[in-house]
PDB file of N, CA and C in Angstrom:
ATOM      1  N   ALA A   1      10.442 -13.234  -1.878  1.00  0.00           N
ATOM      2  CA  ALA A   1      11.086 -11.978  -2.050  1.00  0.00           C
ATOM      3  C   ALA A   1      11.474 -11.450  -3.587  1.00  0.00           C
ATOM      4  N   VAL A   2      11.016 -10.257  -3.921  1.00  0.00           N
ATOM      5  CA  VAL A   2      11.552  -9.658  -5.482  1.00  0.00           C
ATOM      6  C   VAL A   2      12.690  -8.794  -5.031  1.00  0.00           C
ATOM      7  N   PHE A   3      13.174  -8.689  -6.211  1.00  0.00           N
ATOM      8  CA  PHE A   3      14.327  -7.672  -6.356  1.00  0.00           C
ATOM      9  C   PHE A   3      13.576  -6.313  -6.996  1.00  0.00           C
ATOM     10  N   GLY A   4      13.811  -5.418  -6.278  1.00  0.00           N
ATOM     11  CA  GLY A   4      13.664  -4.104  -6.701  1.00  0.00           C
ATOM     12  C   GLY A   4      13.650  -2.880  -5.926  1.00  0.00           C
ATOM     13  N   ARG A   5      12.941  -1.572  -5.830  1.00  0.00           N
ATOM     14  CA  ARG A   5      13.198  -0.479  -5.158  1.00  0.00           C
ATOM     15  C   ARG A   5      12.093  -0.365  -4.302  1.00  0.00           C
ATOM     16  N   CYS A   6      12.713   0.017  -2.760  1.00  0.00           N
ATOM     17  CA  CYS A   6      11.690  -0.001  -1.607  1.00  0.00           C
ATOM     18  C   CYS A   6      10.488   1.496  -2.010  1.00  0.00           C
ATOM     19  N   TRP A   7       9.616   1.025  -1.853  1.00  0.00           N
ATOM     20  CA  TRP A   7       8.441   2.416  -1.778  1.00  0.00           C
ATOM     21  C   TRP A   7       8.956   3.448  -0.855  1.00  0.00           C
ATOM     22  N   LEU A   8       9.523   3.286   0.190  1.00  0.00           N
ATOM     23  CA  LEU A   8       9.472   4.016   1.296  1.00  0.00           C
ATOM     24  C   LEU A   8      10.865   4.602   1.446  1.00  0.00           C
ATOM     25  N   CYS A   9      11.770   3.718   1.371  1.00  0.00           N
ATOM     26  CA  CYS A   9      13.563   4.514   1.370  1.00  0.00           C
ATOM     27  C   CYS A   9      14.030   4.749   0.152  1.00  0.00           C
ATOM     28  N   GLY A  10      13.456   4.075  -0.942  1.00  0.00           N
ATOM     29  CA  GLY A  10      13.980   4.137  -2.320  1.00  0.00           C
ATOM     30  C   GLY A  10      15.113   3.068  -2.551  1.00  0.00           C
ATOM     31  N   ARG A  11      15.859   2.536  -1.434  1.00  0.00           N
ATOM     32  CA  ARG A  11      17.015   1.443  -1.784  1.00  0.00           C
ATOM     33  C   ARG A  11      16.575   0.090  -2.466  1.00  0.00           C
ATOM     34  N   TRP A  12      17.686   0.027  -3.415  1.00  0.00           N
ATOM     35  CA  TRP A  12      17.211  -1.395  -4.363  1.00  0.00           C
ATOM     36  C   TRP A  12      17.896  -2.437  -3.611  1.00  0.00           C
ATOM     37  N   GLY A  13      17.157  -4.033  -3.914  1.00  0.00           N
ATOM     38  CA  GLY A  13      17.370  -4.934  -3.421  1.00  0.00           C
ATOM     39  C   GLY A  13      16.391  -5.925  -3.569  1.00  0.00           C
ATOM     40  N   GLN A  14      16.490  -6.831  -2.154  1.00  0.00           N
ATOM     41  CA  GLN A  14      15.648  -7.932  -2.263  1.00  0.00           C
ATOM     42  C   GLN A  14      14.449  -7.251  -1.205  1.00  0.00           C
ATOM     43  N   MET A  15      13.143  -7.131  -2.254  1.00  0.00           N
ATOM     44  CA  MET A  15      12.174  -6.757  -1.302  1.00  0.00           C
ATOM     45  C   MET A  15      10.867  -7.492  -1.100  1.00  0.00           C
ATOM     46  N   GLU A  16       9.913  -7.099  -0.349  1.00  0.00           N
ATOM     47  CA  GLU A  16       8.947  -7.861  -0.133  1.00  0.00           C
ATOM     48  C   GLU A  16       7.628  -6.915  -0.513  1.00  0.00           C
ATOM     49  N   GLU A  17       6.575  -7.610  -0.931  1.00  0.00           N
ATOM     50  CA  GLU A  17       5.460  -7.159  -1.522  1.00  0.00           C
ATOM     51  C   GLU A  17       4.381  -6.701  -0.360  1.00  0.00           C
ATOM     52  N   HIS A  18       3.984  -5.601  -0.187  1.00  0.00           N
ATOM     53  CA  HIS A  18       3.100  -5.284   0.805  1.00  0.00           C
ATOM     54  C   HIS A  18       1.693  -4.888   0.123  1.00  0.00           C
ATOM     55  N   HIS A  19       0.552  -5.325   0.604  1.00  0.00           N
ATOM     56  CA  HIS A  19      -0.666  -4.856   0.081  1.00  0.00           C
ATOM     57  C   HIS A  19      -1.172  -3.753   1.018  1.00  0.00           C
ATOM     58  N   ILE A  20      -1.646  -2.610   0.208  1.00  0.00           N
ATOM     59  CA  ILE A  20      -1.801  -1.622   0.667  1.00  0.00           C
ATOM     60  C   ILE A  20      -3.011  -1.340   1.914  1.00  0.00           C
ATOM     61  N   PHE A  21      -3.931  -2.227   0.965  1.00  0.00           N
ATOM     62  CA  PHE A  21      -5.124  -2.307   2.003  1.00  0.00           C
ATOM     63  C   PHE A  21      -5.380  -3.559   2.543  1.00  0.00           C
ATOM     64  N   GLY A  22      -5.449  -3.673   3.783  1.00  0.00           N
ATOM     65  CA  GLY A  22      -5.570  -5.102   4.670  1.00  0.00           C
ATOM     66  C   GLY A  22      -6.747  -5.569   5.011  1.00  0.00           C
ATOM     67  N   GLY A  23      -6.780  -6.997   5.614  1.00  0.00           N
ATOM     68  CA  GLY A  23      -7.907  -7.565   5.849  1.00  0.00           C
ATOM     69  C   GLY A  23      -8.209  -8.493   4.572  1.00  0.00           C
ATOM     70  N   THR A  24      -9.099  -9.080   4.802  1.00  0.00           N
ATOM     71  CA  THR A  24      -9.023 -10.458   3.834  1.00  0.00           C
ATOM     72  C   THR A  24      -9.521  -9.724   2.751  1.00  0.00           C
ATOM     73  N   ALA A  25     -10.652  -9.057   2.739  1.00  0.00           N
ATOM     74  CA  ALA A  25     -11.358  -8.897   1.478  1.00  0.00           C
ATOM     75  C   ALA A  25     -10.809  -7.730   0.643  1.00  0.00           C
ATOM     76  N   ASN A  26     -10.048  -6.517   1.573  1.00  0.00           N
ATOM     77  CA  ASN A  26      -9.277  -5.633   0.763  1.00  0.00           C
ATOM     78  C   ASN A  26      -8.016  -6.019   0.471  1.00  0.00           C
ATOM     79  N   ARG A  27      -7.447  -7.102   0.995  1.00  0.00           N
ATOM     80  CA  ARG A  27      -6.141  -7.741   0.538  1.00  0.00           C
ATOM     81  C   ARG A  27      -6.451  -8.048  -0.908  1.00  0.00           C
ATOM     82  N   ARG A  28      -7.319  -9.081  -1.151  1.00  0.00           N
ATOM     83  CA  ARG A  28      -7.750  -9.525  -2.396  1.00  0.00           C
ATOM     84  C   ARG A  28      -7.794  -8.426  -3.333  1.00  0.00           C
ATOM     85  N   LYS A  29      -8.946  -7.384  -2.759  1.00  0.00           N
ATOM     86  CA  LYS A  29      -9.159  -6.092  -4.017  1.00  0.00           C
ATOM     87  C   LYS A  29      -7.402  -5.414  -4.361  1.00  0.00           C
ATOM     88  N   SER A  30      -6.648  -5.173  -3.353  1.00  0.00           N
ATOM     89  CA  SER A  30      -5.185  -4.808  -3.312  1.00  0.00           C
ATOM     90  C   SER A  30      -4.601  -5.510  -4.664  1.00  0.00           C
ATOM     91  N   GLU A  31      -4.741  -6.859  -4.809  1.00  0.00           N
ATOM     92  CA  GLU A  31      -3.958  -7.827  -5.634  1.00  0.00           C
ATOM     93  C   GLU A  31      -4.840  -7.466  -6.693  1.00  0.00           C
ATOM     94  N   ARG A  32      -6.174  -7.391  -7.035  1.00  0.00           N
ATOM     95  CA  ARG A  32      -6.913  -7.463  -8.066  1.00  0.00           C
ATOM     96  C   ARG A  32      -6.595  -5.954  -8.867  1.00  0.00           C
ATOM     97  N   TYR A  33      -6.677  -4.782  -7.975  1.00  0.00           N
ATOM     98  CA  TYR A  33      -6.111  -3.420  -8.671  1.00  0.00           C
ATOM     99  C   TYR A  33      -4.956  -2.907  -8.646  1.00  0.00           C
ATOM    100  N   GLY A  34      -3.801  -4.052  -8.340  1.00  0.00           N
ATOM    101  CA  GLY A  34      -2.322  -3.555  -8.448  1.00  0.00           C
ATOM    102  C   GLY A  34      -2.033  -2.876  -7.214  1.00  0.00           C
ATOM    103  N   LEU A  35      -2.732  -2.735  -6.210  1.00  0.00           N
ATOM    104  CA  LEU A  35      -2.343  -1.739  -5.253  1.00  0.00           C
ATOM    105  C   LEU A  35      -1.312  -2.393  -4.227  1.00  0.00           C
ATOM    106  N   THR A  36      -0.260  -2.640  -4.504  1.00  0.00           N
ATOM    107  CA  THR A  36       0.860  -3.129  -3.778  1.00  0.00           C
ATOM    108  C   THR A  36       2.121  -2.436  -3.965  1.00  0.00           C
ATOM    109  N   VAL A  37       2.858  -2.415  -3.124  1.00  0.00           N
ATOM    110  CA  VAL A  37       4.213  -2.022  -3.101  1.00  0.00           C
ATOM    111  C   VAL A  37       5.192  -2.740  -2.793  1.00  0.00           C
ATOM    112  N   LEU A  38       6.469  -2.490  -3.082  1.00  0.00           N
ATOM    113  CA  LEU A  38       7.571  -3.221  -2.590  1.00  0.00           C
ATOM    114  C   LEU A  38       8.395  -2.485  -1.528  1.00  0.00           C
ATOM    115  N   LEU A  39       8.613  -3.188  -0.329  1.00  0.00           N
ATOM    116  CA  LEU A  39       9.322  -2.483   0.975  1.00  0.00           C
ATOM    117  C   LEU A  39      10.187  -3.431   1.065  1.00  0.00           C
ATOM    118  N   CYS A  40      11.535  -2.906   1.758  1.00  0.00           N
ATOM    119  CA  CYS A  40      12.470  -3.536   2.544  1.00  0.00           C
ATOM    120  C   CYS A  40      11.800  -4.361   3.324  1.00  0.00           C
ATOM    121  N   GLY A  41      12.013  -5.804   3.772  1.00  0.00           N
ATOM    122  CA  GLY A  41      11.375  -6.687   4.589  1.00  0.00           C
ATOM    123  C   GLY A  41      11.446  -6.200   6.133  1.00  0.00           C
ATOM    124  N   GLU A  42      12.832  -6.210   6.685  1.00  0.00           N
ATOM    125  CA  GLU A  42      13.059  -5.968   8.071  1.00  0.00           C
ATOM    126  C   GLU A  42      12.713  -4.378   8.297  1.00  0.00           C
ATOM    127  N   SER A  43      13.292  -3.324   7.564  1.00  0.00           N
ATOM    128  CA  SER A  43      13.226  -2.337   7.951  1.00  0.00           C
ATOM    129  C   SER A  43      11.823  -1.210   7.877  1.00  0.00           C
ATOM    130  N   CYS A  44      11.331  -1.557   6.334  1.00  0.00           N
ATOM    131  CA  CYS A  44      10.513  -0.594   6.057  1.00  0.00           C
ATOM    132  C   CYS A  44       9.282  -1.459   6.007  1.00  0.00           C
ATOM    133  N   HIS A  45       9.319  -2.826   6.147  1.00  0.00           N
ATOM    134  CA  HIS A  45       7.811  -3.376   6.226  1.00  0.00           C
ATOM    135  C   HIS A  45       7.176  -3.879   7.071  1.00  0.00           C
ATOM    136  N   ARG A  46       8.201  -4.275   8.147  1.00  0.00           N
ATOM    137  CA  ARG A  46       7.832  -5.145   9.485  1.00  0.00           C
ATOM    138  C   ARG A  46       8.249  -4.258  10.455  1.00  0.00           C
ATOM    139  N   ASN A  47       9.831  -3.928  10.924  1.00  0.00           N
ATOM    140  CA  ASN A  47      10.143  -3.700  12.334  1.00  0.00           C
ATOM    141  C   ASN A  47      10.800  -2.216  12.485  1.00  0.00           C
ATOM    142  N   GLY A  48      10.769  -1.634  11.455  1.00  0.00           N
ATOM    143  CA  GLY A  48      11.689  -0.580  11.465  1.00  0.00           C
ATOM    144  C   GLY A  48      10.724   0.570  12.073  1.00  0.00           C
ATOM    145  N   PRO A  49      11.315   1.983  12.720  1.00  0.00           N
ATOM    146  CA  PRO A  49      10.453   2.853  13.345  1.00  0.00           C
ATOM    147  C   PRO A  49       9.251   3.713  12.379  1.00  0.00           C
ATOM    148  N   ARG A  50       9.888   3.591  10.899  1.00  0.00           N
ATOM    149  CA  ARG A  50       8.795   3.883   9.973  1.00  0.00           C
ATOM    150  C   ARG A  50       7.942   2.844   9.129  1.00  0.00           C
ATOM    151  N   ALA A  51       8.213   1.591   9.717  1.00  0.00           N
ATOM    152  CA  ALA A  51       7.484   0.461   8.834  1.00  0.00           C
ATOM    153  C   ALA A  51       6.358   0.534   8.958  1.00  0.00           C
ATOM    154  N   ALA A  52       5.788   0.090   7.552  1.00  0.00           N
ATOM    155  CA  ALA A  52       4.263  -0.107   7.208  1.00  0.00           C
ATOM    156  C   ALA A  52       3.490  -0.885   8.208  1.00  0.00           C
ATOM    157  N   HIS A  53       3.711  -1.673   8.627  1.00  0.00           N
ATOM    158  CA  HIS A  53       3.039  -2.410   9.648  1.00  0.00           C
ATOM    159  C   HIS A  53       2.983  -1.883  11.199  1.00  0.00           C
ATOM    160  N   ARG A  54       3.978  -0.654  11.345  1.00  0.00           N
ATOM    161  CA  ARG A  54       4.213  -0.375  12.715  1.00  0.00           C
ATOM    162  C   ARG A  54       4.006   1.423  13.045  1.00  0.00           C
ATOM    163  N   CYS A  55       3.993   2.079  11.890  1.00  0.00           N
ATOM    164  CA  CYS A  55       4.010   3.321  11.750  1.00  0.00           C
ATOM    165  C   CYS A  55       2.702   3.938  11.283  1.00  0.00           C
ATOM    166  N   LYS A  56       2.003   4.546  12.108  1.00  0.00           N
ATOM    167  CA  LYS A  56       0.566   5.349  11.553  1.00  0.00           C
ATOM    168  C   LYS A  56       0.818   6.325  10.246  1.00  0.00           C
ATOM    169  N   GLU A  57       1.784   6.737  10.338  1.00  0.00           N
ATOM    170  CA  GLU A  57       1.829   7.818   9.224  1.00  0.00           C
ATOM    171  C   GLU A  57       2.463   7.464   7.941  1.00  0.00           C
ATOM    172  N   THR A  58       3.320   6.200   8.026  1.00  0.00           N
ATOM    173  CA  THR A  58       3.475   5.280   6.857  1.00  0.00           C
ATOM    174  C   THR A  58       2.069   4.766   6.344  1.00  0.00           C
ATOM    175  N   ALA A  59       1.309   4.141   7.309  1.00  0.00           N
ATOM    176  CA  ALA A  59       0.237   3.227   6.902  1.00  0.00           C
ATOM    177  C   ALA A  59      -0.697   4.602   5.984  1.00  0.00           C
ATOM    178  N   LEU A  60      -0.752   5.720   6.618  1.00  0.00           N
ATOM    179  CA  LEU A  60      -1.758   6.473   6.032  1.00  0.00           C
ATOM    180  C   LEU A  60      -1.271   7.088   4.885  1.00  0.00           C
ATOM    181  N   ALA A  61      -0.024   7.197   4.556  1.00  0.00           N
ATOM    182  CA  ALA A  61       0.640   7.823   3.286  1.00  0.00           C
ATOM    183  C   ALA A  61       0.499   6.494   2.342  1.00  0.00           C
ATOM    184  N   LEU A  62       0.681   5.342   2.709  1.00  0.00           N
ATOM    185  CA  LEU A  62       0.158   4.226   1.708  1.00  0.00           C
ATOM    186  C   LEU A  62      -0.885   4.144   1.184  1.00  0.00           C
ATOM    187  N   HIS A  63      -1.985   4.276   2.402  1.00  0.00           N
ATOM    188  CA  HIS A  63      -3.506   4.142   2.011  1.00  0.00           C
ATOM    189  C   HIS A  63      -3.692   5.420   1.158  1.00  0.00           C
ATOM    190  N   GLN A  64      -3.239   6.547   1.197  1.00  0.00           N
ATOM    191  CA  GLN A  64      -3.686   7.774   0.503  1.00  0.00           C
ATOM    192  C   GLN A  64      -2.928   7.567  -1.201  1.00  0.00           C
ATOM    193  N   TYR A  65      -1.767   7.271  -0.974  1.00  0.00           N
ATOM    194  CA  TYR A  65      -1.137   6.543  -2.535  1.00  0.00           C
ATOM    195  C   TYR A  65      -2.160   5.877  -3.132  1.00  0.00           C
ATOM    196  N   GLY A  66      -2.428   4.579  -2.439  1.00  0.00           N
ATOM    197  CA  GLY A  66      -3.248   3.630  -3.010  1.00  0.00           C
ATOM    198  C   GLY A  66      -4.766   4.183  -3.392  1.00  0.00           C
ATOM    199  N   GLN A  67      -5.335   5.006  -2.628  1.00  0.00           N
ATOM    200  CA  GLN A  67      -6.744   5.171  -2.909  1.00  0.00           C
ATOM    201  C   GLN A  67      -6.337   5.992  -4.419  1.00  0.00           C
ATOM    202  N   ARG A  68      -5.513   7.385  -4.588  1.00  0.00           N
ATOM    203  CA  ARG A  68      -5.019   8.119  -5.449  1.00  0.00           C
ATOM    204  C   ARG A  68      -4.785   6.970  -6.825  1.00  0.00           C
ATOM    205  N   LYS A  69      -4.115   6.106  -6.702  1.00  0.00           N
ATOM    206  CA  LYS A  69      -3.816   5.348  -7.687  1.00  0.00           C
ATOM    207  C   LYS A  69      -5.098   4.479  -8.233  1.00  0.00           C
ATOM    208  N   TYR A  70      -5.812   4.072  -7.381  1.00  0.00           N
ATOM    209  CA  TYR A  70      -7.003   3.539  -7.595  1.00  0.00           C
ATOM    210  C   TYR A  70      -8.127   4.452  -8.568  1.00  0.00           C
ATOM    211  N   MET A  71      -7.959   5.562  -7.959  1.00  0.00           N
ATOM    212  CA  MET A  71      -9.167   6.644  -8.383  1.00  0.00           C
ATOM    213  C   MET A  71      -8.693   6.756  -9.792  1.00  0.00           C
ATOM    214  N   GLU A  72      -7.369   6.980 -10.256  1.00  0.00           N
ATOM    215  CA  GLU A  72      -6.855   7.434 -11.429  1.00  0.00           C
ATOM    216  C   GLU A  72      -6.797   6.690 -12.455  1.00  0.00           C
ATOM    217  N   GLU A  73      -6.405   4.961 -12.055  1.00  0.00           N
ATOM    218  CA  GLU A  73      -6.562   3.781 -12.908  1.00  0.00           C
ATOM    219  C   GLU A  73      -8.090   3.618 -13.280  1.00  0.00           C
ATOM    220  N   GLN A  74      -8.869   3.774 -12.263  1.00  0.00           N
ATOM    221  CA  GLN A  74     -10.378   3.204 -12.584  1.00  0.00           C
ATOM    222  C   GLN A  74     -11.165   4.411 -12.678  1.00  0.00           C
ATOM    223  N   ASP A  75     -10.747   5.530 -13.172  1.00  0.00           N
ATOM    224  CA  ASP A  75     -11.439   6.425 -13.134  1.00  0.00           C
ATOM    225  C   ASP A  75     -12.458   6.404 -12.228  1.00  0.00           C
ATOM    226  N   ALA A  76     -12.413   6.505 -11.350  1.00  0.00           N
ATOM    227  CA  ALA A  76     -13.300   6.558  -9.892  1.00  0.00           C
ATOM    228  C   ALA A  76     -13.173   7.661  -9.257  1.00  0.00           C
ATOM    229  N   THR A  77     -14.547   8.188  -8.501  1.00  0.00           N
ATOM    230  CA  THR A  77     -14.348   9.214  -7.494  1.00  0.00           C
ATOM    231  C   THR A  77     -14.017   8.643  -6.260  1.00  0.00           C
ATOM    232  N   VAL A  78     -13.909   9.604  -5.329  1.00  0.00           N
ATOM    233  CA  VAL A  78     -13.625   9.370  -3.649  1.00  0.00           C
ATOM    234  C   VAL A  78     -14.981   8.179  -3.264  1.00  0.00           C
ATOM    235  N   GLU A  79     -16.082   8.592  -4.134  1.00  0.00           N
ATOM    236  CA  GLU A  79     -17.285   7.811  -3.135  1.00  0.00           C
ATOM    237  C   GLU A  79     -17.206   6.380  -3.968  1.00  0.00           C
ATOM    238  N   ASP A  80     -16.648   6.129  -5.198  1.00  0.00           N
ATOM    239  CA  ASP A  80     -16.817   4.934  -5.744  1.00  0.00           C
ATOM    240  C   ASP A  80     -15.382   4.129  -5.021  1.00  0.00           C
ATOM    241  N   PHE A  81     -14.512   5.199  -4.659  1.00  0.00           N
ATOM    242  CA  PHE A  81     -13.138   4.227  -3.886  1.00  0.00           C
ATOM    243  C   PHE A  81     -14.044   3.906  -2.341  1.00  0.00           C
ATOM    244  N   ARG A  82     -14.872   4.787  -1.793  1.00  0.00           N
ATOM    245  CA  ARG A  82     -15.330   4.261  -0.476  1.00  0.00           C
ATOM    246  C   ARG A  82     -16.265   2.981  -0.556  1.00  0.00           C
ATOM    247  N   ARG A  83     -17.199   3.278  -1.535  1.00  0.00           N
ATOM    248  CA  ARG A  83     -17.861   2.048  -1.807  1.00  0.00           C
ATOM    249  C   ARG A  83     -17.131   0.747  -1.866  1.00  0.00           C
ATOM    250  N   GLU A  84     -16.118   0.785  -2.569  1.00  0.00           N
ATOM    251  CA  GLU A  84     -15.175  -0.424  -2.874  1.00  0.00           C
ATOM    252  C   GLU A  84     -14.184  -0.862  -1.684  1.00  0.00           C
ATOM    253  N   PHE A  85     -13.853   0.156  -0.822  1.00  0.00           N
ATOM    254  CA  PHE A  85     -12.928  -0.190   0.176  1.00  0.00           C
ATOM    255  C   PHE A  85     -13.423   0.034   1.497  1.00  0.00           C
ATOM    256  N   GLY A  86     -14.707   0.979   1.677  1.00  0.00           N
ATOM    257  CA  GLY A  86     -15.262   1.019   2.716  1.00  0.00           C
ATOM    258  C   GLY A  86     -14.929   2.247   3.646  1.00  0.00           C
ATOM    259  N   ARG A  87     -13.948   3.185   3.043  1.00  0.00           N
ATOM    260  CA  ARG A  87     -13.233   4.407   3.690  1.00  0.00           C
ATOM    261  C   ARG A  87     -12.425   5.127   2.528  1.00  0.00           C
ATOM    262  N   ASN A  88     -12.523   6.521   3.072  1.00  0.00           N
ATOM    263  CA  ASN A  88     -11.621   7.490   2.276  1.00  0.00           C
ATOM    264  C   ASN A  88     -10.485   7.988   3.112  1.00  0.00           C
ATOM    265  N   TYR A  89      -9.571   7.741   2.547  1.00  0.00           N
ATOM    266  CA  TYR A  89      -8.329   8.197   3.145  1.00  0.00           C
ATOM    267  C   TYR A  89      -7.833   9.749   2.724  1.00  0.00           C
ATOM    268  N   LEU A  90      -8.324  10.268   1.883  1.00  0.00           N
ATOM    269  CA  LEU A  90      -7.966  11.579   1.486  1.00  0.00           C
ATOM    270  C   LEU A  90      -8.365  12.967   2.365  1.00  0.00           C
TER     271      LEU A  90
END
């Protein structure tokens, strides 16, 4: 656990690191490109109604955020992102 601010609810405290893009290969790419966010462990990461691992809307918001961050930081196009991560979320 890390101390910081939750990406989803904004609360400060002990957080868990969440890889924006899942699956073995994309999890590694998330690490390589810094596409991780801090989330409150119980409520925002795993088990709450808006938790990243339970709520499709939260997962989509994270994927869109991650794609925009990747494209901005890597000076990449939508097609570049799709080649790297296999899908377009925008």
